[in-house]
Amino acid sequence: MRRSRPRLADFVPYAGVFAHGMGQTIVMTTLPSLGREIHLGEFAIGAIISASSLVFFISSRIWGRVSDRWGRKPVILVGLWGYAAGTMVFAGLFSAGMQGLLAGSLLYGLIIGTRMGQSILMSATAPGTAALIADTTTPVTRAAGMGRLSAASNIGSIMGPAIAGTLAAVSLLAPLIFAAVASAACALLIHRFLEHRGQVHPHSRGEGAMRLLDRRYLPYLALGMAVFTGFSVVQQTISFRIQDMLLLDTRSTARTVGYIMIISAVASLFAQTVLVQRLKIQPMVLLRSGMPLLLTSFVLLIFANSLPLFALSMGFMGLGMGLCGPGFTAAVSLAVSAREQGAAAGIATAVPALGFILGPLAGTSLYQLNPHYPYVLTVLIMVPACVMAFRIRQHMHVE
């Protein structure tokens, strides 16, 4: 019997995380250069990401539970439209700052406030989509399903830096405008073609209100915190490191960092589409394989002083994150019941945001002291986390 070809509808559930992944890497690629254009220091730029991540951390847990009551599709759409609107306002504020229409504390406060407001809404997309995938997979196929979800995000992450690097030659604001338009386009696609799939549990309020530190998945949250904190330190400081080490201007930095991030995203996509999908590796094995790769990347970054070394280290980081991302999400999902998938997805989405609260602040503070210190910190975080990964066992929920 011939296997039927995938329909457009088969790819639609992943459009939201694709747009989100693309938009976030565009922001990460261009924000350091935009910040320096309006005379912000490294710590001030990092604080923008940390403040928005704090809101994302709180909101994503709420949206996960809301998706259990509203359904997955409405929640996903809230996130996409919120991302599109917030990014346009974000770009407008930087434009005003670059033209001298706004400056100082007022401009900085508006930028942080806008990004935090945007995070309240955009944090709905990831838990809504993860819960949808959990609804439509079995325990056996859960890791593969989450791998497809991560792969969609990483395809966006590949396109994001390439788009940012290309459009930055025209204007540093052009990539942000593109991200907003792409998010709106994906929202229209989902609105039109996504069937209202996913379970709705209008009476599951008590069951869905899981504690963040639930013992069933607490060890995975600790591993996820280590992974995403280290990842966020690198993402927030790599632009400064490349610009200062290679003596580039802001536009050249945005282009160079964009192409370096493509290497990381391609490596991550390879891990998710080839290793996770085809080999059907169990979640804890994914974490035990990916975390040493991340450690290797962080060690290389301590000594990186040329473009090839930066590229090599980011390649290792991409492979590591490509294994750790779906491994972490699947491990949390498998630890809870079917009626708790929305809440679990919210928690699994909140942990990366928690890493992005701490990582940018720590990374930029240490970078101002010494450019090597942020990567020393990531190594110190990852070594005990790797040891812990080999000591814990996967918890499986039994109905």
Protein backbone atom coordinates (compact mmCIF):
# COMPACT_ATOMS: atom_id res chain seq x y z
CA MET A 1 0.00 0.00 0.00
CA ARG A 2 1.47 3.37 -1.07
CA ARG A 3 1.92 5.96 1.62
CA SER A 4 -0.18 9.06 0.97
CA ARG A 5 1.66 12.33 0.50
CA PRO A 6 1.38 14.85 3.35
CA ARG A 7 -1.35 17.45 2.90
CA LEU A 8 -0.99 21.15 3.65
CA ALA A 9 -3.14 20.61 6.74
CA ASP A 10 -0.50 18.21 8.12
CA PHE A 11 2.01 21.06 8.33
CA VAL A 12 -0.33 23.80 9.56
CA PRO A 13 -0.08 22.90 13.30
CA TYR A 14 3.64 23.70 13.15
CA ALA A 15 3.25 27.13 11.49
CA GLY A 16 3.01 28.98 14.79
CA VAL A 17 6.24 27.67 16.27
CA PHE A 18 7.92 28.15 12.89
CA ALA A 19 7.00 31.85 12.95
CA HIS A 20 7.97 32.15 16.60
CA GLY A 21 11.34 30.48 16.05
CA MET A 22 12.08 32.71 13.08
CA GLY A 23 11.00 35.87 14.89
CA GLN A 24 12.98 35.13 18.03
CA THR A 25 16.22 34.47 16.17
CA ILE A 26 15.69 37.64 14.15
CA VAL A 27 15.37 39.58 17.40
CA MET A 28 18.37 37.86 18.98
CA THR A 29 20.46 38.57 15.88
CA THR A 30 19.56 42.24 15.54
CA LEU A 31 18.89 43.42 19.12
CA PRO A 32 22.54 43.80 20.18
CA SER A 33 23.27 45.95 17.13
CA LEU A 34 20.03 47.94 17.55
CA GLY A 35 20.85 48.48 21.21
CA ARG A 36 24.29 49.83 20.43
CA GLU A 37 22.77 52.10 17.76
CA ILE A 38 20.76 53.89 20.47
CA HIS A 39 23.72 53.79 22.89
CA LEU A 40 22.59 51.04 25.26
CA GLY A 41 25.20 49.05 27.16
CA GLU A 42 25.46 45.27 27.14
CA PHE A 43 23.71 44.84 30.49
CA ALA A 44 20.84 47.13 29.47
CA ILE A 45 20.33 45.13 26.28
CA GLY A 46 20.39 41.85 28.20
CA ALA A 47 17.83 43.24 30.66
CA ILE A 48 15.32 43.69 27.81
CA ILE A 49 15.42 39.94 27.15
CA SER A 50 15.40 39.05 30.84
CA ALA A 51 12.39 41.24 31.65
CA SER A 52 10.35 39.86 28.76
CA SER A 53 11.39 36.31 29.64
CA LEU A 54 10.13 36.79 33.20
CA VAL A 55 6.70 37.69 31.83
CA PHE A 56 6.89 34.82 29.33
CA PHE A 57 7.70 32.40 32.17
CA ILE A 58 4.62 33.45 34.14
CA SER A 59 2.25 33.75 31.20
CA SER A 60 3.10 30.52 29.39
CA ARG A 61 2.01 28.43 32.37
CA ILE A 62 -1.30 30.27 32.43
CA TRP A 63 -1.83 29.85 28.68
CA GLY A 64 -1.13 26.13 28.96
CA ARG A 65 -4.02 25.75 31.42
CA VAL A 66 -6.24 28.07 29.37
CA SER A 67 -5.72 25.83 26.33
CA ASP A 68 -7.22 22.95 28.30
CA ARG A 69 -10.45 24.97 28.56
CA TRP A 70 -10.57 27.05 25.37
CA GLY A 71 -8.94 24.53 23.08
CA ARG A 72 -5.55 24.74 21.38
CA LYS A 73 -6.35 26.76 18.25
CA PRO A 74 -7.66 29.97 19.90
CA VAL A 75 -4.68 30.09 22.24
CA ILE A 76 -2.20 29.62 19.39
CA LEU A 77 -3.83 32.50 17.48
CA VAL A 78 -3.66 34.83 20.47
CA GLY A 79 0.09 34.24 20.60
CA LEU A 80 0.68 34.87 16.91
CA TRP A 81 -1.37 38.06 16.64
CA GLY A 82 0.21 39.33 19.86
CA TYR A 83 3.66 38.67 18.47
CA ALA A 84 2.92 40.51 15.22
CA ALA A 85 1.50 43.60 16.91
CA GLY A 86 4.18 43.75 19.60
CA THR A 87 7.04 43.44 17.12
CA MET A 88 5.72 46.35 15.04
CA VAL A 89 5.58 48.58 18.12
CA PHE A 90 9.04 47.36 19.17
CA ALA A 91 10.46 48.31 15.75
CA GLY A 92 8.74 51.68 15.87
CA LEU A 93 10.36 52.55 19.19
CA PHE A 94 13.84 51.72 17.93
CA SER A 95 13.13 53.79 14.83
CA ALA A 96 12.17 56.74 17.02
CA GLY A 97 15.35 56.31 19.04
CA MET A 98 17.59 56.13 15.98
CA GLN A 99 15.99 59.31 14.59
CA GLY A 100 16.40 61.16 17.89
CA LEU A 101 12.67 61.49 18.52
CA LEU A 102 12.93 59.56 21.79
CA ALA A 103 15.92 58.98 24.04
CA GLY A 104 17.13 58.14 27.52
CA SER A 105 15.06 56.52 30.24
CA LEU A 106 11.75 57.18 28.49
CA LEU A 107 12.80 55.30 25.36
CA TYR A 108 14.34 52.46 27.34
CA GLY A 109 11.27 52.13 29.57
CA LEU A 110 8.96 52.02 26.55
CA ILE A 111 11.12 49.36 24.87
CA ILE A 112 11.10 47.12 27.95
CA GLY A 113 7.39 47.72 28.57
CA THR A 114 6.50 46.89 24.97
CA ARG A 115 8.55 43.71 24.99
CA MET A 116 6.98 42.60 28.29
CA GLY A 117 3.47 43.32 27.00
CA GLN A 118 4.25 41.39 23.84
CA SER A 119 5.46 38.44 25.90
CA ILE A 120 2.13 38.18 27.73
CA LEU A 121 0.46 37.35 24.43
CA MET A 122 3.17 35.62 22.39
CA SER A 123 3.74 33.11 25.21
CA ALA A 124 0.44 31.46 24.22
CA THR A 125 1.69 29.94 20.96
CA ALA A 126 4.27 27.44 22.22
CA PRO A 127 2.26 25.76 25.03
CA GLY A 128 -0.87 25.67 22.85
CA THR A 129 1.01 23.95 20.04
CA ALA A 130 2.90 21.56 22.35
CA ALA A 131 -0.38 20.53 23.98
CA LEU A 132 -1.90 19.94 20.54
CA ILE A 133 0.98 17.64 19.61
CA ALA A 134 0.68 15.82 22.94
CA ASP A 135 -3.04 15.29 22.24
CA THR A 136 -2.31 13.70 18.86
CA THR A 137 0.62 11.42 19.78
CA THR A 138 1.04 8.30 21.89
CA PRO A 139 3.64 7.69 24.60
CA VAL A 140 5.69 5.76 22.04
CA THR A 141 5.61 8.55 19.44
CA ARG A 142 5.70 11.51 21.87
CA ALA A 143 9.44 12.23 21.55
CA ALA A 144 9.20 12.06 17.76
CA GLY A 145 6.20 14.39 17.81
CA MET A 146 8.04 16.88 19.97
CA GLY A 147 11.02 16.46 17.66
CA ARG A 148 8.87 17.55 14.70
CA LEU A 149 7.70 20.50 16.74
CA SER A 150 11.27 21.49 17.54
CA ALA A 151 12.26 20.93 13.91
CA ALA A 152 9.59 23.38 12.76
CA SER A 153 10.95 25.94 15.20
CA ASN A 154 14.45 25.29 13.96
CA ILE A 155 13.52 25.69 10.32
CA GLY A 156 12.30 29.12 11.37
CA SER A 157 15.54 29.57 13.31
CA ILE A 158 17.53 28.82 10.15
CA MET A 159 15.56 31.30 8.09
CA GLY A 160 15.55 33.99 10.79
CA PRO A 161 19.29 34.71 10.90
CA ALA A 162 19.57 34.47 7.12
CA ILE A 163 16.75 36.98 6.73
CA ALA A 164 18.18 39.22 9.44
CA GLY A 165 21.65 39.10 7.92
CA THR A 166 20.31 39.94 4.45
CA LEU A 167 17.81 42.65 5.43
CA ALA A 168 20.22 44.25 7.91
CA ALA A 169 22.21 45.44 4.89
CA VAL A 170 19.15 47.59 4.02
CA SER A 171 18.09 48.58 7.54
CA LEU A 172 18.44 47.16 11.03
CA LEU A 173 14.67 47.56 11.43
CA ALA A 174 13.71 45.65 8.27
CA PRO A 175 14.18 42.19 9.89
CA LEU A 176 11.76 43.09 12.72
CA ILE A 177 9.10 44.25 10.28
CA PHE A 178 9.51 41.02 8.32
CA ALA A 179 9.08 38.97 11.52
CA ALA A 180 5.83 40.77 12.33
CA VAL A 181 4.42 40.21 8.83
CA ALA A 182 5.42 36.52 8.88
CA SER A 183 3.70 36.00 12.24
CA ALA A 184 0.50 37.59 10.93
CA ALA A 185 0.64 35.42 7.79
CA CYS A 186 0.99 32.23 9.87
CA ALA A 187 -1.93 33.34 12.05
CA LEU A 188 -4.11 33.66 8.95
CA LEU A 189 -2.95 30.23 7.75
CA ILE A 190 -3.82 28.58 11.06
CA HIS A 191 -7.15 30.38 11.27
CA ARG A 192 -8.10 29.14 7.82
CA PHE A 193 -6.74 25.60 7.69
CA LEU A 194 -6.18 24.21 11.21
CA GLU A 195 -8.99 21.97 12.32
CA HIS A 196 -9.98 22.68 15.92
CA ARG A 197 -8.10 19.65 17.13
CA GLY A 198 -6.95 18.96 20.65
CA GLN A 199 -8.84 18.01 23.76
CA VAL A 200 -10.87 20.55 25.71
CA HIS A 201 -11.35 19.90 29.42
CA PRO A 202 -13.68 22.61 30.74
CA HIS A 203 -13.80 20.99 34.17
CA SER A 204 -10.11 20.24 34.56
CA ARG A 205 -9.20 23.41 36.44
CA GLY A 206 -8.07 21.60 39.55
CA GLU A 207 -6.18 18.91 37.71
CA GLY A 208 -4.53 21.37 35.35
CA ALA A 209 -3.24 23.65 38.09
CA MET A 210 -0.09 21.65 38.61
CA ARG A 211 2.68 22.88 40.83
CA LEU A 212 5.83 24.06 39.09
CA LEU A 213 7.94 21.83 41.33
CA ASP A 214 5.84 18.68 40.97
CA ARG A 215 8.01 15.68 41.90
CA ARG A 216 7.01 13.78 38.76
CA TYR A 217 9.00 16.06 36.48
CA LEU A 218 11.16 18.11 38.87
CA PRO A 219 14.45 16.43 37.81
CA TYR A 220 13.76 17.27 34.15
CA LEU A 221 13.09 20.89 35.08
CA ALA A 222 16.51 21.06 36.72
CA LEU A 223 18.15 19.69 33.58
CA GLY A 224 16.12 22.04 31.39
CA MET A 225 17.16 25.02 33.51
CA ALA A 226 20.83 24.15 33.05
CA VAL A 227 20.44 23.65 29.30
CA PHE A 228 18.45 26.79 28.59
CA THR A 229 20.38 29.05 30.95
CA GLY A 230 23.63 28.11 29.24
CA PHE A 231 22.02 28.51 25.82
CA SER A 232 20.66 31.96 26.71
CA VAL A 233 24.05 33.16 27.98
CA VAL A 234 25.56 32.30 24.60
CA GLN A 235 22.72 33.76 22.55
CA GLN A 236 22.84 37.06 24.40
CA THR A 237 26.62 37.53 24.35
CA ILE A 238 27.75 35.97 21.07
CA SER A 239 27.04 39.15 19.07
CA PHE A 240 29.14 41.27 21.41
CA ARG A 241 31.92 38.69 21.39
CA ILE A 242 32.04 38.45 17.59
CA GLN A 243 31.83 42.22 17.10
CA ASP A 244 34.57 42.98 19.61
CA MET A 245 36.84 40.09 18.62
CA LEU A 246 36.56 40.66 14.84
CA LEU A 247 36.28 44.48 15.08
CA LEU A 248 33.06 44.77 13.06
CA ASP A 249 30.50 47.58 12.78
CA THR A 250 26.88 46.99 13.84
CA ARG A 251 25.52 46.03 10.41
CA SER A 252 28.42 43.69 9.66
CA THR A 253 27.95 42.15 13.09
CA ALA A 254 24.26 41.48 12.43
CA ARG A 255 25.11 39.80 9.12
CA THR A 256 27.97 37.73 10.54
CA VAL A 257 26.04 36.60 13.60
CA GLY A 258 23.08 35.75 11.39
CA TYR A 259 25.15 33.38 9.29
CA ILE A 260 26.83 31.86 12.36
CA MET A 261 23.40 31.18 13.87
CA ILE A 262 22.34 29.45 10.66
CA ILE A 263 25.08 26.86 11.28
CA SER A 264 23.67 26.24 14.76
CA ALA A 265 20.10 25.97 13.49
CA VAL A 266 21.02 23.60 10.64
CA ALA A 267 22.86 21.33 13.10
CA SER A 268 19.85 21.39 15.40
CA LEU A 269 17.49 20.59 12.53
CA PHE A 270 19.69 17.64 11.52
CA ALA A 271 19.54 16.27 15.05
CA GLN A 272 15.77 16.59 15.19
CA THR A 273 14.87 15.32 11.73
CA VAL A 274 17.45 12.53 11.37
CA LEU A 275 18.35 11.38 14.88
CA VAL A 276 15.18 12.07 16.87
CA GLN A 277 12.66 11.22 14.13
CA ARG A 278 14.23 8.18 12.53
CA LEU A 279 15.89 6.54 15.52
CA LYS A 280 12.99 7.18 17.94
CA ILE A 281 15.38 7.71 20.85
CA GLN A 282 13.91 7.85 24.35
CA PRO A 283 13.79 11.29 26.05
CA MET A 284 16.44 10.64 28.70
CA VAL A 285 18.82 9.23 26.07
CA LEU A 286 18.34 12.42 24.07
CA LEU A 287 19.26 14.51 27.09
CA ARG A 288 22.26 12.33 27.94
CA SER A 289 23.50 12.66 24.35
CA GLY A 290 22.83 16.36 23.88
CA MET A 291 24.17 17.80 27.11
CA PRO A 292 27.81 16.70 26.58
CA LEU A 293 27.63 18.30 23.12
CA LEU A 294 26.54 21.54 24.73
CA LEU A 295 29.39 21.28 27.20
CA THR A 296 31.83 20.88 24.30
CA SER A 297 30.39 24.00 22.67
CA PHE A 298 30.76 26.06 25.82
CA VAL A 299 34.37 24.98 26.32
CA LEU A 300 35.20 25.95 22.72
CA LEU A 301 33.65 29.39 23.20
CA ILE A 302 36.05 30.17 26.04
CA PHE A 303 38.94 29.96 23.58
CA ALA A 304 37.24 31.02 20.32
CA ASN A 305 39.15 33.86 18.63
CA SER A 306 38.31 33.37 14.94
CA LEU A 307 35.26 32.92 12.76
CA PRO A 308 35.90 29.16 12.13
CA LEU A 309 36.08 28.47 15.87
CA PHE A 310 32.88 30.41 16.49
CA ALA A 311 31.20 28.43 13.72
CA LEU A 312 32.43 25.10 15.12
CA SER A 313 31.25 25.89 18.64
CA MET A 314 27.83 26.97 17.38
CA GLY A 315 27.57 23.76 15.37
CA PHE A 316 28.09 21.71 18.53
CA MET A 317 25.56 23.89 20.34
CA GLY A 318 22.99 23.30 17.59
CA LEU A 319 23.43 19.54 17.76
CA GLY A 320 23.14 19.59 21.53
CA MET A 321 20.01 21.74 21.57
CA GLY A 322 18.48 19.65 18.77
CA LEU A 323 18.65 16.62 21.06
CA CYS A 324 17.94 18.29 24.41
CA GLY A 325 14.91 20.35 23.32
CA PRO A 326 12.56 17.51 22.29
CA GLY A 327 14.03 15.24 24.97
CA PHE A 328 13.13 17.71 27.71
CA THR A 329 9.63 18.46 26.39
CA ALA A 330 8.79 14.79 25.84
CA ALA A 331 10.09 13.80 29.29
CA VAL A 332 7.79 16.31 30.99
CA SER A 333 4.82 15.32 28.81
CA LEU A 334 5.22 11.61 29.50
CA ALA A 335 5.33 12.20 33.24
CA VAL A 336 1.72 13.47 33.46
CA SER A 337 -1.78 12.32 32.47
CA ALA A 338 -3.63 13.10 29.25
CA ARG A 339 -5.85 15.63 31.06
CA GLU A 340 -2.78 17.53 32.26
CA GLN A 341 -1.06 17.98 28.89
CA GLY A 342 -1.98 21.66 28.50
CA ALA A 343 -0.65 22.52 31.95
CA ALA A 344 2.45 20.39 31.36
CA ALA A 345 3.09 22.11 28.03
CA GLY A 346 2.85 25.46 29.78
CA ILE A 347 5.44 24.39 32.34
CA ALA A 348 7.75 22.90 29.70
CA THR A 349 7.53 26.17 27.76
CA ALA A 350 8.10 28.24 30.90
CA VAL A 351 11.42 26.61 31.76
CA PRO A 352 13.30 27.96 28.69
CA ALA A 353 11.88 31.38 29.52
CA LEU A 354 13.18 31.03 33.07
CA GLY A 355 16.62 30.31 31.63
CA PHE A 356 16.33 33.49 29.57
CA ILE A 357 15.58 35.49 32.71
CA LEU A 358 18.83 34.53 34.38
CA GLY A 359 21.13 33.92 31.43
CA PRO A 360 21.15 37.34 29.73
CA LEU A 361 21.66 39.22 33.00
CA ALA A 362 24.46 36.93 34.15
CA GLY A 363 26.04 36.75 30.71
CA THR A 364 26.09 40.48 30.01
CA SER A 365 27.28 41.32 33.55
CA LEU A 366 30.18 38.89 33.27
CA TYR A 367 30.97 40.03 29.72
CA GLN A 368 31.55 43.56 30.97
CA LEU A 369 34.12 42.15 33.41
CA ASN A 370 35.84 39.81 30.96
CA PRO A 371 34.65 38.47 27.55
CA HIS A 372 35.61 34.91 28.57
CA TYR A 373 33.67 34.79 31.83
CA PRO A 374 30.16 34.11 30.42
CA TYR A 375 31.37 30.88 28.83
CA VAL A 376 33.24 29.82 31.95
CA LEU A 377 29.90 30.17 33.74
CA THR A 378 28.14 27.94 31.19
CA VAL A 379 30.77 25.23 31.68
CA LEU A 380 30.35 25.41 35.46
CA ILE A 381 26.58 25.00 35.03
CA MET A 382 26.75 22.17 32.51
CA VAL A 383 29.30 19.88 34.20
CA PRO A 384 27.12 18.97 37.25
CA ALA A 385 24.02 18.89 35.01
CA CYS A 386 25.65 16.25 32.79
CA VAL A 387 26.45 14.16 35.84
CA MET A 388 22.86 14.50 37.06
CA ALA A 389 21.45 13.46 33.66
CA PHE A 390 23.11 10.06 33.96
CA ARG A 391 21.80 9.51 37.50
CA ILE A 392 18.04 10.02 37.03
CA ARG A 393 15.47 7.72 35.42
CA GLN A 394 12.53 8.52 33.15
CA HIS A 395 9.20 8.69 35.01
CA MET A 396 6.23 7.38 32.96
CA HIS A 397 2.67 8.20 33.95
CA VAL A 398 0.37 5.19 34.18
CA GLU A 399 -3.36 5.83 33.68
